[in-house]
Amino acid sequence: MAEATLRRSFFAGGLFGLTAVLKPELMLAAGLITFTMAVMQWWHRKRLRLSTIVAWAGGAALPTLGFIVYFAAYLPWKEAVRVSCTAWLNVATNTRSSGVLLQETFLGVDRPWKHLLEQLSATLLACVLIAVIAGAGLAGRAHHAEKVVSAFQRIIGGIAVVVGVF
């Protein structure tokens, strides 16, 4: 795990901040990744310095501030702020758009448990596929010197093809 430097923290915060001007779904993913990073830092007993946290927060705020400045050239100040913060403001303060049936369907909240199971199974399938590809790569590297294609590699390749098709 790499050291949390000011540059890396600022860059990670900037990527997180970009999600705040995009879509709520991306904000959820970015929040989970950020939470995972914090847990990993704690797990490895690496303290985050205040300067890296401030750099991350500055990077996170920068995209929204940039969009506010850009939109302020064309819109009144309050409207520029509202338009720039559409993703996170809609999630935090507005139920109007999420209350529309079509929007609920697009977001998947019309049947959340069904969609959760679909997403979990798709994620599990992706993890299995990645593991199979990694296993084939490791097995290929181990037998590369002899240039022998083992039965194990053929099985792994077959599984990768089958999993990839589905």
Protein backbone atom coordinates (compact mmCIF):
# COMPACT_ATOMS: atom_id res chain seq x y z
CA MET A 1 0.00 0.00 0.00
CA ALA A 2 1.45 3.31 -1.07
CA GLU A 3 2.06 6.16 1.33
CA ALA A 4 -0.66 8.82 1.40
CA THR A 5 1.25 11.84 0.08
CA LEU A 6 -0.17 15.31 -0.42
CA ARG A 7 -0.15 14.90 -4.20
CA ARG A 8 -1.86 11.50 -4.09
CA SER A 9 -4.41 12.71 -1.55
CA PHE A 10 -5.20 15.80 -3.62
CA PHE A 11 -5.58 13.68 -6.77
CA ALA A 12 -7.81 11.14 -5.00
CA GLY A 13 -9.92 13.97 -3.59
CA GLY A 14 -10.19 15.48 -7.05
CA LEU A 15 -11.47 12.21 -8.45
CA PHE A 16 -13.94 11.98 -5.59
CA GLY A 17 -14.99 15.58 -6.25
CA LEU A 18 -15.64 14.83 -9.90
CA THR A 19 -18.25 12.31 -8.85
CA ALA A 20 -20.05 15.05 -6.91
CA VAL A 21 -20.77 16.88 -10.17
CA LEU A 22 -21.73 13.73 -12.07
CA LYS A 23 -24.19 11.14 -10.78
CA PRO A 24 -25.34 9.78 -7.41
CA GLU A 25 -24.43 6.22 -8.41
CA LEU A 26 -20.83 7.28 -8.94
CA MET A 27 -20.86 9.11 -5.62
CA LEU A 28 -21.79 5.86 -3.87
CA ALA A 29 -18.91 4.00 -5.51
CA ALA A 30 -16.46 6.81 -4.72
CA GLY A 31 -17.66 6.92 -1.12
CA LEU A 32 -17.16 3.17 -0.74
CA ILE A 33 -13.65 3.36 -2.21
CA THR A 34 -12.78 6.26 0.08
CA PHE A 35 -14.16 4.38 3.09
CA THR A 36 -12.15 1.30 2.09
CA MET A 37 -8.98 3.41 1.89
CA ALA A 38 -9.59 4.76 5.38
CA VAL A 39 -10.17 1.25 6.74
CA MET A 40 -6.99 -0.02 5.05
CA GLN A 41 -4.99 2.85 6.54
CA TRP A 42 -6.36 1.97 9.97
CA TRP A 43 -5.78 -1.76 9.41
CA HIS A 44 -2.12 -1.21 8.51
CA ARG A 45 -1.79 1.18 11.44
CA LYS A 46 -0.86 4.11 9.22
CA ARG A 47 -2.13 7.40 10.53
CA LEU A 48 -3.43 9.90 8.06
CA ARG A 49 -1.81 13.26 8.60
CA LEU A 50 -4.05 16.30 8.81
CA SER A 51 -2.28 17.75 5.77
CA THR A 52 -3.24 14.76 3.61
CA ILE A 53 -6.86 14.99 4.78
CA VAL A 54 -6.91 18.72 3.96
CA ALA A 55 -5.32 18.01 0.55
CA TRP A 56 -7.99 15.37 -0.13
CA ALA A 57 -10.80 17.75 0.92
CA GLY A 58 -9.35 20.53 -1.25
CA GLY A 59 -9.14 18.20 -4.22
CA ALA A 60 -12.71 17.04 -3.58
CA ALA A 61 -14.03 20.61 -3.50
CA LEU A 62 -12.11 21.81 -6.56
CA PRO A 63 -14.32 20.30 -9.33
CA THR A 64 -17.50 21.70 -7.79
CA LEU A 65 -15.88 25.11 -7.34
CA GLY A 66 -14.66 25.01 -10.93
CA PHE A 67 -18.14 24.28 -12.22
CA ILE A 68 -19.63 27.00 -10.02
CA VAL A 69 -17.21 29.55 -11.50
CA TYR A 70 -17.91 28.33 -15.02
CA PHE A 71 -21.70 28.43 -14.64
CA ALA A 72 -21.56 31.79 -12.81
CA ALA A 73 -20.42 33.35 -16.08
CA TYR A 74 -23.76 32.40 -17.65
CA LEU A 75 -26.20 32.12 -14.74
CA PRO A 76 -26.98 33.98 -11.51
CA TRP A 77 -24.82 32.90 -8.57
CA LYS A 78 -27.47 30.80 -6.76
CA GLU A 79 -28.46 29.07 -9.98
CA ALA A 80 -24.78 28.38 -10.77
CA VAL A 81 -24.33 26.73 -7.38
CA ARG A 82 -27.51 24.69 -7.82
CA VAL A 83 -26.56 23.50 -11.29
CA SER A 84 -22.97 22.68 -10.25
CA CYS A 85 -24.05 20.58 -7.32
CA THR A 86 -26.86 18.75 -9.06
CA ALA A 87 -25.74 15.23 -8.18
CA TRP A 88 -25.17 15.57 -4.45
CA LEU A 89 -27.82 18.22 -3.82
CA ASN A 90 -30.45 16.07 -5.49
CA VAL A 91 -29.50 13.16 -3.30
CA ALA A 92 -29.28 15.17 -0.09
CA THR A 93 -32.20 17.59 -0.41
CA ASN A 94 -34.56 16.74 -3.23
CA THR A 95 -37.06 13.94 -3.43
CA ARG A 96 -39.01 15.50 -6.29
CA SER A 97 -37.09 13.81 -9.12
CA SER A 98 -36.65 10.51 -7.30
CA GLY A 99 -40.38 10.39 -6.56
CA VAL A 100 -41.24 10.10 -10.24
CA LEU A 101 -42.06 6.51 -11.19
CA LEU A 102 -39.88 6.54 -14.31
CA GLN A 103 -36.91 7.90 -12.34
CA GLU A 104 -37.45 5.25 -9.65
CA THR A 105 -37.35 2.61 -12.36
CA PHE A 106 -34.14 4.03 -13.86
CA LEU A 107 -32.49 4.19 -10.44
CA GLY A 108 -33.64 0.69 -9.57
CA VAL A 109 -35.42 1.68 -6.36
CA ASP A 110 -38.72 0.30 -7.64
CA ARG A 111 -37.48 -3.23 -6.75
CA PRO A 112 -34.35 -2.72 -4.63
CA TRP A 113 -33.90 -6.30 -3.35
CA LYS A 114 -34.21 -7.79 -6.81
CA HIS A 115 -31.71 -5.30 -8.22
CA LEU A 116 -29.36 -5.79 -5.26
CA LEU A 117 -29.27 -9.54 -5.90
CA GLU A 118 -28.69 -8.94 -9.61
CA GLN A 119 -25.82 -6.57 -8.87
CA LEU A 120 -24.28 -8.90 -6.30
CA SER A 121 -24.44 -11.87 -8.67
CA ALA A 122 -22.92 -9.81 -11.49
CA THR A 123 -20.16 -8.65 -9.15
CA LEU A 124 -19.49 -12.22 -8.01
CA LEU A 125 -19.34 -13.37 -11.62
CA ALA A 126 -16.88 -10.58 -12.45
CA CYS A 127 -14.71 -11.52 -9.46
CA VAL A 128 -14.70 -15.19 -10.53
CA LEU A 129 -13.75 -14.20 -14.07
CA ILE A 130 -10.90 -12.00 -12.83
CA ALA A 131 -9.69 -14.81 -10.54
CA VAL A 132 -9.79 -17.30 -13.41
CA ILE A 133 -7.84 -14.96 -15.68
CA ALA A 134 -5.30 -14.27 -12.93
CA GLY A 135 -4.99 -18.00 -12.22
CA ALA A 136 -4.43 -18.75 -15.89
CA GLY A 137 -1.79 -16.04 -16.04
CA LEU A 138 0.01 -17.38 -12.99
CA ALA A 139 -0.20 -20.95 -14.26
CA GLY A 140 1.04 -19.84 -17.67
CA ARG A 141 3.95 -18.00 -16.12
CA ALA A 142 4.90 -21.04 -14.02
CA HIS A 143 4.98 -23.33 -17.06
CA HIS A 144 6.27 -20.77 -19.53
CA ALA A 145 9.85 -21.96 -19.34
CA GLU A 146 8.90 -25.47 -20.45
CA LYS A 147 6.33 -24.19 -22.98
CA VAL A 148 3.90 -26.87 -21.84
CA VAL A 149 0.18 -26.28 -21.85
CA SER A 150 -1.09 -28.28 -18.91
CA ALA A 151 -4.55 -29.72 -18.47
CA PHE A 152 -5.03 -27.22 -15.65
CA GLN A 153 -4.48 -24.32 -18.03
CA ARG A 154 -6.92 -25.77 -20.55
CA ILE A 155 -9.54 -26.17 -17.82
CA ILE A 156 -8.96 -22.62 -16.60
CA GLY A 157 -9.18 -21.34 -20.18
CA GLY A 158 -12.41 -23.24 -20.75
CA ILE A 159 -13.93 -21.89 -17.56
CA ALA A 160 -12.85 -18.36 -18.54
CA VAL A 161 -14.53 -18.73 -21.94
CA VAL A 162 -17.74 -20.13 -20.41
CA VAL A 163 -17.88 -17.47 -17.70
CA GLY A 164 -17.05 -14.76 -20.23
CA VAL A 165 -19.92 -15.85 -22.50
CA PHE A 166 -22.43 -15.59 -19.66
